[in-house]
Amino acid sequence: MKKELYPRLAACGVSWKIVELIERFGWIEPRELPVSANERRRYERALDMPDTPDAWTIADEDFPERLRTIPDPVYAL
């Protein structure tokens, strides 16, 4: 998986469980995920999100505020 996809998934609140599935099998259809409807919606939001830049920095104005507040993020951003 491309490293720029991690911020997109994290910005939408996609759980690490789904990220691991994507790393293993590639992009998965939302209806095929064995997760709750809430988790599925977050994943769908990430799929619909426009492409993220290759070099996103915290100083960029379009950097999601939500990512700045995650304590000890699981993703390596």
PDB file of N, CA and C in Angstrom:
ATOM      1  N   MET A   1       0.851  -1.172   0.000  1.00  0.00           N
ATOM      2  CA  MET A   1       0.000   0.000   0.000  1.00  0.00           C
ATOM      3  C   MET A   1       0.896   1.234   0.000  1.00  0.00           C
ATOM      4  N   LYS A   2       0.516   2.225  -0.778  1.00  0.00           N
ATOM      5  CA  LYS A   2       1.297   3.455  -0.843  1.00  0.00           C
ATOM      6  C   LYS A   2       1.222   4.192   0.486  1.00  0.00           C
ATOM      7  N   LYS A   3       2.351   4.776   0.887  1.00  0.00           N
ATOM      8  CA  LYS A   3       2.402   5.438   2.191  1.00  0.00           C
ATOM      9  C   LYS A   3       1.454   6.624   2.292  1.00  0.00           C
ATOM     10  N   GLU A   4       1.112   7.269   1.176  1.00  0.00           N
ATOM     11  CA  GLU A   4       0.209   8.417   1.250  1.00  0.00           C
ATOM     12  C   GLU A   4      -1.235   8.007   1.546  1.00  0.00           C
ATOM     13  N   LEU A   5      -1.541   6.720   1.463  1.00  0.00           N
ATOM     14  CA  LEU A   5      -2.896   6.267   1.772  1.00  0.00           C
ATOM     15  C   LEU A   5      -3.141   6.176   3.274  1.00  0.00           C
ATOM     16  N   TYR A   6      -2.089   6.024   4.066  1.00  0.00           N
ATOM     17  CA  TYR A   6      -2.257   5.938   5.519  1.00  0.00           C
ATOM     18  C   TYR A   6      -2.912   7.191   6.098  1.00  0.00           C
ATOM     19  N   PRO A   7      -2.460   8.398   5.722  1.00  0.00           N
ATOM     20  CA  PRO A   7      -3.134   9.591   6.259  1.00  0.00           C
ATOM     21  C   PRO A   7      -4.595   9.677   5.829  1.00  0.00           C
ATOM     22  N   ARG A   8      -4.887   9.251   4.606  1.00  0.00           N
ATOM     23  CA  ARG A   8      -6.275   9.281   4.136  1.00  0.00           C
ATOM     24  C   ARG A   8      -7.144   8.376   5.009  1.00  0.00           C
ATOM     25  N   LEU A   9      -6.671   7.167   5.268  1.00  0.00           N
ATOM     26  CA  LEU A   9      -7.422   6.225   6.099  1.00  0.00           C
ATOM     27  C   LEU A   9      -7.534   6.728   7.535  1.00  0.00           C
ATOM     28  N   ALA A  10      -6.438   7.265   8.051  1.00  0.00           N
ATOM     29  CA  ALA A  10      -6.449   7.777   9.423  1.00  0.00           C
ATOM     30  C   ALA A  10      -7.364   8.988   9.552  1.00  0.00           C
ATOM     31  N   ALA A  11      -7.357   9.856   8.554  1.00  0.00           N
ATOM     32  CA  ALA A  11      -8.198  11.056   8.594  1.00  0.00           C
ATOM     33  C   ALA A  11      -9.675  10.695   8.661  1.00  0.00           C
ATOM     34  N   CYS A  12     -10.041   9.576   8.074  1.00  0.00           N
ATOM     35  CA  CYS A  12     -11.440   9.145   8.082  1.00  0.00           C
ATOM     36  C   CYS A  12     -11.757   8.228   9.257  1.00  0.00           C
ATOM     37  N   GLY A  13     -10.772   7.965  10.092  1.00  0.00           N
ATOM     38  CA  GLY A  13     -11.012   7.140  11.277  1.00  0.00           C
ATOM     39  C   GLY A  13     -11.127   5.661  10.991  1.00  0.00           C
ATOM     40  N   VAL A  14     -10.525   5.218   9.892  1.00  0.00           N
ATOM     41  CA  VAL A  14     -10.561   3.797   9.546  1.00  0.00           C
ATOM     42  C   VAL A  14      -9.724   3.026  10.565  1.00  0.00           C
ATOM     43  N   SER A  15     -10.278   1.956  11.080  1.00  0.00           N
ATOM     44  CA  SER A  15      -9.595   1.196  12.133  1.00  0.00           C
ATOM     45  C   SER A  15      -8.379   0.450  11.591  1.00  0.00           C
ATOM     46  N   TRP A  16      -7.463   0.160  12.496  1.00  0.00           N
ATOM     47  CA  TRP A  16      -6.245  -0.560  12.132  1.00  0.00           C
ATOM     48  C   TRP A  16      -6.575  -1.938  11.572  1.00  0.00           C
ATOM     49  N   LYS A  17      -7.639  -2.550  12.046  1.00  0.00           N
ATOM     50  CA  LYS A  17      -8.062  -3.868  11.560  1.00  0.00           C
ATOM     51  C   LYS A  17      -8.298  -3.823  10.043  1.00  0.00           C
ATOM     52  N   ILE A  18      -8.957  -2.772   9.578  1.00  0.00           N
ATOM     53  CA  ILE A  18      -9.228  -2.629   8.146  1.00  0.00           C
ATOM     54  C   ILE A  18      -7.935  -2.328   7.394  1.00  0.00           C
ATOM     55  N   VAL A  19      -7.091  -1.486   7.972  1.00  0.00           N
ATOM     56  CA  VAL A  19      -5.810  -1.158   7.333  1.00  0.00           C
ATOM     57  C   VAL A  19      -4.995  -2.435   7.120  1.00  0.00           C
ATOM     58  N   GLU A  20      -4.972  -3.311   8.104  1.00  0.00           N
ATOM     59  CA  GLU A  20      -4.243  -4.578   7.965  1.00  0.00           C
ATOM     60  C   GLU A  20      -4.818  -5.433   6.839  1.00  0.00           C
ATOM     61  N   LEU A  21      -6.145  -5.462   6.716  1.00  0.00           N
ATOM     62  CA  LEU A  21      -6.770  -6.225   5.628  1.00  0.00           C
ATOM     63  C   LEU A  21      -6.375  -5.653   4.268  1.00  0.00           C
ATOM     64  N   ILE A  22      -6.356  -4.318   4.165  1.00  0.00           N
ATOM     65  CA  ILE A  22      -5.985  -3.674   2.903  1.00  0.00           C
ATOM     66  C   ILE A  22      -4.524  -3.965   2.572  1.00  0.00           C
ATOM     67  N   GLU A  23      -3.665  -3.923   3.580  1.00  0.00           N
ATOM     68  CA  GLU A  23      -2.250  -4.226   3.339  1.00  0.00           C
ATOM     69  C   GLU A  23      -2.076  -5.649   2.814  1.00  0.00           C
ATOM     70  N   ARG A  24      -2.887  -6.532   3.303  1.00  0.00           N
ATOM     71  CA  ARG A  24      -2.758  -7.945   2.926  1.00  0.00           C
ATOM     72  C   ARG A  24      -3.419  -8.274   1.586  1.00  0.00           C
ATOM     73  N   PHE A  25      -4.631  -7.706   1.346  1.00  0.00           N
ATOM     74  CA  PHE A  25      -5.414  -8.093   0.168  1.00  0.00           C
ATOM     75  C   PHE A  25      -5.624  -6.979  -0.851  1.00  0.00           C
ATOM     76  N   GLY A  26      -5.180  -5.752  -0.568  1.00  0.00           N
ATOM     77  CA  GLY A  26      -5.447  -4.619  -1.448  1.00  0.00           C
ATOM     78  C   GLY A  26      -6.807  -4.015  -1.115  1.00  0.00           C
ATOM     79  N   TRP A  27      -7.249  -3.053  -1.928  1.00  0.00           N
ATOM     80  CA  TRP A  27      -8.538  -2.405  -1.660  1.00  0.00           C
ATOM     81  C   TRP A  27      -9.651  -3.445  -1.692  1.00  0.00           C
ATOM     82  N   ILE A  28     -10.533  -3.365  -0.729  1.00  0.00           N
ATOM     83  CA  ILE A  28     -11.621  -4.326  -0.562  1.00  0.00           C
ATOM     84  C   ILE A  28     -12.944  -3.588  -0.719  1.00  0.00           C
ATOM     85  N   GLU A  29     -13.903  -4.242  -1.351  1.00  0.00           N
ATOM     86  CA  GLU A  29     -15.242  -3.655  -1.453  1.00  0.00           C
ATOM     87  C   GLU A  29     -15.817  -3.481  -0.047  1.00  0.00           C
ATOM     88  N   PRO A  30     -16.394  -2.324   0.258  1.00  0.00           N
ATOM     89  CA  PRO A  30     -16.935  -2.090   1.605  1.00  0.00           C
ATOM     90  C   PRO A  30     -17.912  -3.166   2.069  1.00  0.00           C
ATOM     91  N   ARG A  31     -18.741  -3.654   1.172  1.00  0.00           N
ATOM     92  CA  ARG A  31     -19.747  -4.657   1.568  1.00  0.00           C
ATOM     93  C   ARG A  31     -19.118  -5.995   1.962  1.00  0.00           C
ATOM     94  N   GLU A  32     -17.850  -6.212   1.572  1.00  0.00           N
ATOM     95  CA  GLU A  32     -17.164  -7.466   1.890  1.00  0.00           C
ATOM     96  C   GLU A  32     -16.434  -7.431   3.230  1.00  0.00           C
ATOM     97  N   LEU A  33     -16.400  -6.277   3.868  1.00  0.00           N
ATOM     98  CA  LEU A  33     -15.687  -6.154   5.143  1.00  0.00           C
ATOM     99  C   LEU A  33     -16.498  -6.725   6.296  1.00  0.00           C
ATOM    100  N   PRO A  34     -15.861  -7.516   7.149  1.00  0.00           N
ATOM    101  CA  PRO A  34     -16.556  -8.087   8.313  1.00  0.00           C
ATOM    102  C   PRO A  34     -16.527  -7.124   9.504  1.00  0.00           C
ATOM    103  N   VAL A  35     -17.112  -5.926   9.291  1.00  0.00           N
ATOM    104  CA  VAL A  35     -17.081  -4.887  10.331  1.00  0.00           C
ATOM    105  C   VAL A  35     -18.464  -4.263  10.482  1.00  0.00           C
ATOM    106  N   SER A  36     -18.602  -3.399  11.475  1.00  0.00           N
ATOM    107  CA  SER A  36     -19.879  -2.726  11.721  1.00  0.00           C
ATOM    108  C   SER A  36     -20.183  -1.718  10.602  1.00  0.00           C
ATOM    109  N   ALA A  37     -21.431  -1.293  10.545  1.00  0.00           N
ATOM    110  CA  ALA A  37     -21.853  -0.313   9.540  1.00  0.00           C
ATOM    111  C   ALA A  37     -21.088   0.998   9.707  1.00  0.00           C
ATOM    112  N   ASN A  38     -20.814   1.378  10.946  1.00  0.00           N
ATOM    113  CA  ASN A  38     -20.048   2.597  11.224  1.00  0.00           C
ATOM    114  C   ASN A  38     -18.655   2.517  10.608  1.00  0.00           C
ATOM    115  N   GLU A  39     -17.973   1.406  10.853  1.00  0.00           N
ATOM    116  CA  GLU A  39     -16.627   1.207  10.303  1.00  0.00           C
ATOM    117  C   GLU A  39     -16.670   1.193   8.778  1.00  0.00           C
ATOM    118  N   ARG A  40     -17.694   0.580   8.236  1.00  0.00           N
ATOM    119  CA  ARG A  40     -17.841   0.501   6.780  1.00  0.00           C
ATOM    120  C   ARG A  40     -17.998   1.899   6.183  1.00  0.00           C
ATOM    121  N   ARG A  41     -18.787   2.762   6.845  1.00  0.00           N
ATOM    122  CA  ARG A  41     -18.985   4.136   6.361  1.00  0.00           C
ATOM    123  C   ARG A  41     -17.668   4.920   6.374  1.00  0.00           C
ATOM    124  N   ARG A  42     -16.875   4.730   7.413  1.00  0.00           N
ATOM    125  CA  ARG A  42     -15.574   5.419   7.476  1.00  0.00           C
ATOM    126  C   ARG A  42     -14.687   4.993   6.306  1.00  0.00           C
ATOM    127  N   TYR A  43     -14.687   3.712   6.029  1.00  0.00           N
ATOM    128  CA  TYR A  43     -13.886   3.185   4.925  1.00  0.00           C
ATOM    129  C   TYR A  43     -14.395   3.738   3.591  1.00  0.00           C
ATOM    130  N   GLU A  44     -15.719   3.789   3.419  1.00  0.00           N
ATOM    131  CA  GLU A  44     -16.295   4.346   2.193  1.00  0.00           C
ATOM    132  C   GLU A  44     -15.898   5.810   2.027  1.00  0.00           C
ATOM    133  N   ARG A  45     -15.897   6.551   3.147  1.00  0.00           N
ATOM    134  CA  ARG A  45     -15.484   7.955   3.114  1.00  0.00           C
ATOM    135  C   ARG A  45     -14.026   8.068   2.648  1.00  0.00           C
ATOM    136  N   ALA A  46     -13.177   7.179   3.123  1.00  0.00           N
ATOM    137  CA  ALA A  46     -11.768   7.191   2.713  1.00  0.00           C
ATOM    138  C   ALA A  46     -11.634   6.879   1.225  1.00  0.00           C
ATOM    139  N   LEU A  47     -12.450   5.959   0.720  1.00  0.00           N
ATOM    140  CA  LEU A  47     -12.407   5.630  -0.706  1.00  0.00           C
ATOM    141  C   LEU A  47     -12.846   6.811  -1.559  1.00  0.00           C
ATOM    142  N   ASP A  48     -13.821   7.586  -1.061  1.00  0.00           N
ATOM    143  CA  ASP A  48     -14.354   8.724  -1.809  1.00  0.00           C
ATOM    144  C   ASP A  48     -13.504   9.984  -1.685  1.00  0.00           C
ATOM    145  N   MET A  49     -12.584   9.983  -0.735  1.00  0.00           N
ATOM    146  CA  MET A  49     -11.742  11.153  -0.501  1.00  0.00           C
ATOM    147  C   MET A  49     -10.819  11.366  -1.699  1.00  0.00           C
ATOM    148  N   PRO A  50     -10.613  12.632  -2.085  1.00  0.00           N
ATOM    149  CA  PRO A  50      -9.672  12.868  -3.192  1.00  0.00           C
ATOM    150  C   PRO A  50      -8.268  12.396  -2.801  1.00  0.00           C
ATOM    151  N   ASP A  51      -7.455  12.140  -3.785  1.00  0.00           N
ATOM    152  CA  ASP A  51      -6.090  11.663  -3.517  1.00  0.00           C
ATOM    153  C   ASP A  51      -5.352  12.601  -2.585  1.00  0.00           C
ATOM    154  N   THR A  52      -4.574  12.021  -1.706  1.00  0.00           N
ATOM    155  CA  THR A  52      -3.750  12.813  -0.800  1.00  0.00           C
ATOM    156  C   THR A  52      -2.377  13.005  -1.433  1.00  0.00           C
ATOM    157  N   PRO A  53      -1.719  14.103  -1.125  1.00  0.00           N
ATOM    158  CA  PRO A  53      -0.398  14.343  -1.705  1.00  0.00           C
ATOM    159  C   PRO A  53       0.638  13.323  -1.224  1.00  0.00           C
ATOM    160  N   ASP A  54       1.711  13.175  -1.983  1.00  0.00           N
ATOM    161  CA  ASP A  54       2.796  12.263  -1.598  1.00  0.00           C
ATOM    162  C   ASP A  54       3.536  12.750  -0.362  1.00  0.00           C
ATOM    163  N   ALA A  55       3.629  14.045  -0.195  1.00  0.00           N
ATOM    164  CA  ALA A  55       4.405  14.613   0.911  1.00  0.00           C
ATOM    165  C   ALA A  55       3.537  15.562   1.737  1.00  0.00           C
ATOM    166  N   TRP A  56       2.660  15.022   2.496  1.00  0.00           N
ATOM    167  CA  TRP A  56       1.786  15.808   3.371  1.00  0.00           C
ATOM    168  C   TRP A  56       2.562  16.174   4.614  1.00  0.00           C
ATOM    169  N   THR A  57       2.515  17.422   5.010  1.00  0.00           N
ATOM    170  CA  THR A  57       3.167  17.810   6.259  1.00  0.00           C
ATOM    171  C   THR A  57       2.146  18.428   7.192  1.00  0.00           C
ATOM    172  N   ILE A  58       2.472  18.450   8.448  1.00  0.00           N
ATOM    173  CA  ILE A  58       1.576  18.997   9.467  1.00  0.00           C
ATOM    174  C   ILE A  58       1.299  20.475   9.227  1.00  0.00           C
ATOM    175  N   ALA A  59       2.220  21.161   8.546  1.00  0.00           N
ATOM    176  CA  ALA A  59       2.066  22.593   8.281  1.00  0.00           C
ATOM    177  C   ALA A  59       1.100  22.873   7.125  1.00  0.00           C
ATOM    178  N   ASP A  60       0.799  21.882   6.307  1.00  0.00           N
ATOM    179  CA  ASP A  60      -0.129  22.090   5.191  1.00  0.00           C
ATOM    180  C   ASP A  60      -1.510  22.441   5.719  1.00  0.00           C
ATOM    181  N   GLU A  61      -2.138  23.429   5.086  1.00  0.00           N
ATOM    182  CA  GLU A  61      -3.447  23.858   5.595  1.00  0.00           C
ATOM    183  C   GLU A  61      -4.540  22.815   5.386  1.00  0.00           C
ATOM    184  N   ASP A  62      -4.359  21.900   4.439  1.00  0.00           N
ATOM    185  CA  ASP A  62      -5.373  20.858   4.242  1.00  0.00           C
ATOM    186  C   ASP A  62      -5.077  19.585   5.039  1.00  0.00           C
ATOM    187  N   PHE A  63      -4.040  19.618   5.896  1.00  0.00           N
ATOM    188  CA  PHE A  63      -3.740  18.471   6.757  1.00  0.00           C
ATOM    189  C   PHE A  63      -4.878  18.314   7.765  1.00  0.00           C
ATOM    190  N   PRO A  64      -5.506  17.143   7.853  1.00  0.00           N
ATOM    191  CA  PRO A  64      -6.666  16.970   8.732  1.00  0.00           C
ATOM    192  C   PRO A  64      -6.347  17.234  10.211  1.00  0.00           C
ATOM    193  N   GLU A  65      -7.094  18.117  10.806  1.00  0.00           N
ATOM    194  CA  GLU A  65      -6.913  18.462  12.222  1.00  0.00           C
ATOM    195  C   GLU A  65      -7.020  17.218  13.103  1.00  0.00           C
ATOM    196  N   ARG A  66      -7.885  16.316  12.720  1.00  0.00           N
ATOM    197  CA  ARG A  66      -8.094  15.092  13.500  1.00  0.00           C
ATOM    198  C   ARG A  66      -6.792  14.303  13.711  1.00  0.00           C
ATOM    199  N   LEU A  67      -5.926  14.307  12.699  1.00  0.00           N
ATOM    200  CA  LEU A  67      -4.678  13.544  12.802  1.00  0.00           C
ATOM    201  C   LEU A  67      -3.714  14.150  13.813  1.00  0.00           C
ATOM    202  N   ARG A  68      -3.855  15.442  14.065  1.00  0.00           N
ATOM    203  CA  ARG A  68      -2.965  16.101  15.031  1.00  0.00           C
ATOM    204  C   ARG A  68      -3.317  15.738  16.463  1.00  0.00           C
ATOM    205  N   THR A  69      -4.513  15.226  16.671  1.00  0.00           N
ATOM    206  CA  THR A  69      -4.977  14.972  18.037  1.00  0.00           C
ATOM    207  C   THR A  69      -4.969  13.498  18.426  1.00  0.00           C
ATOM    208  N   ILE A  70      -4.507  12.617  17.555  1.00  0.00           N
ATOM    209  CA  ILE A  70      -4.468  11.187  17.878  1.00  0.00           C
ATOM    210  C   ILE A  70      -3.262  10.930  18.785  1.00  0.00           C
ATOM    211  N   PRO A  71      -3.493  10.506  20.024  1.00  0.00           N
ATOM    212  CA  PRO A  71      -2.357  10.214  20.897  1.00  0.00           C
ATOM    213  C   PRO A  71      -1.717   8.880  20.504  1.00  0.00           C
ATOM    214  N   ASP A  72      -0.426   8.870  20.315  1.00  0.00           N
ATOM    215  CA  ASP A  72       0.311   7.662  19.917  1.00  0.00           C
ATOM    216  C   ASP A  72      -0.374   6.942  18.755  1.00  0.00           C
ATOM    217  N   PRO A  73      -0.432   7.569  17.579  1.00  0.00           N
ATOM    218  CA  PRO A  73      -1.138   6.947  16.455  1.00  0.00           C
ATOM    219  C   PRO A  73      -0.533   5.596  16.080  1.00  0.00           C
ATOM    220  N   VAL A  74      -1.396   4.697  15.682  1.00  0.00           N
ATOM    221  CA  VAL A  74      -0.940   3.365  15.282  1.00  0.00           C
ATOM    222  C   VAL A  74      -0.229   3.447  13.940  1.00  0.00           C
ATOM    223  N   TYR A  75      -0.732   4.304  13.060  1.00  0.00           N
ATOM    224  CA  TYR A  75      -0.119   4.456  11.750  1.00  0.00           C
ATOM    225  C   TYR A  75       1.176   5.247  11.893  1.00  0.00           C
ATOM    226  N   ALA A  76       2.125   4.923  11.066  1.00  0.00           N
ATOM    227  CA  ALA A  76       3.363   5.715  11.043  1.00  0.00           C
ATOM    228  C   ALA A  76       3.163   6.848  10.050  1.00  0.00           C
ATOM    229  N   LEU A  77       2.871   8.017  10.565  1.00  0.00           N
ATOM    230  CA  LEU A  77       2.610   9.163   9.680  1.00  0.00           C
ATOM    231  C   LEU A  77       3.865   9.976   9.467  1.00  0.00           C
TER     232      LEU A  77
END
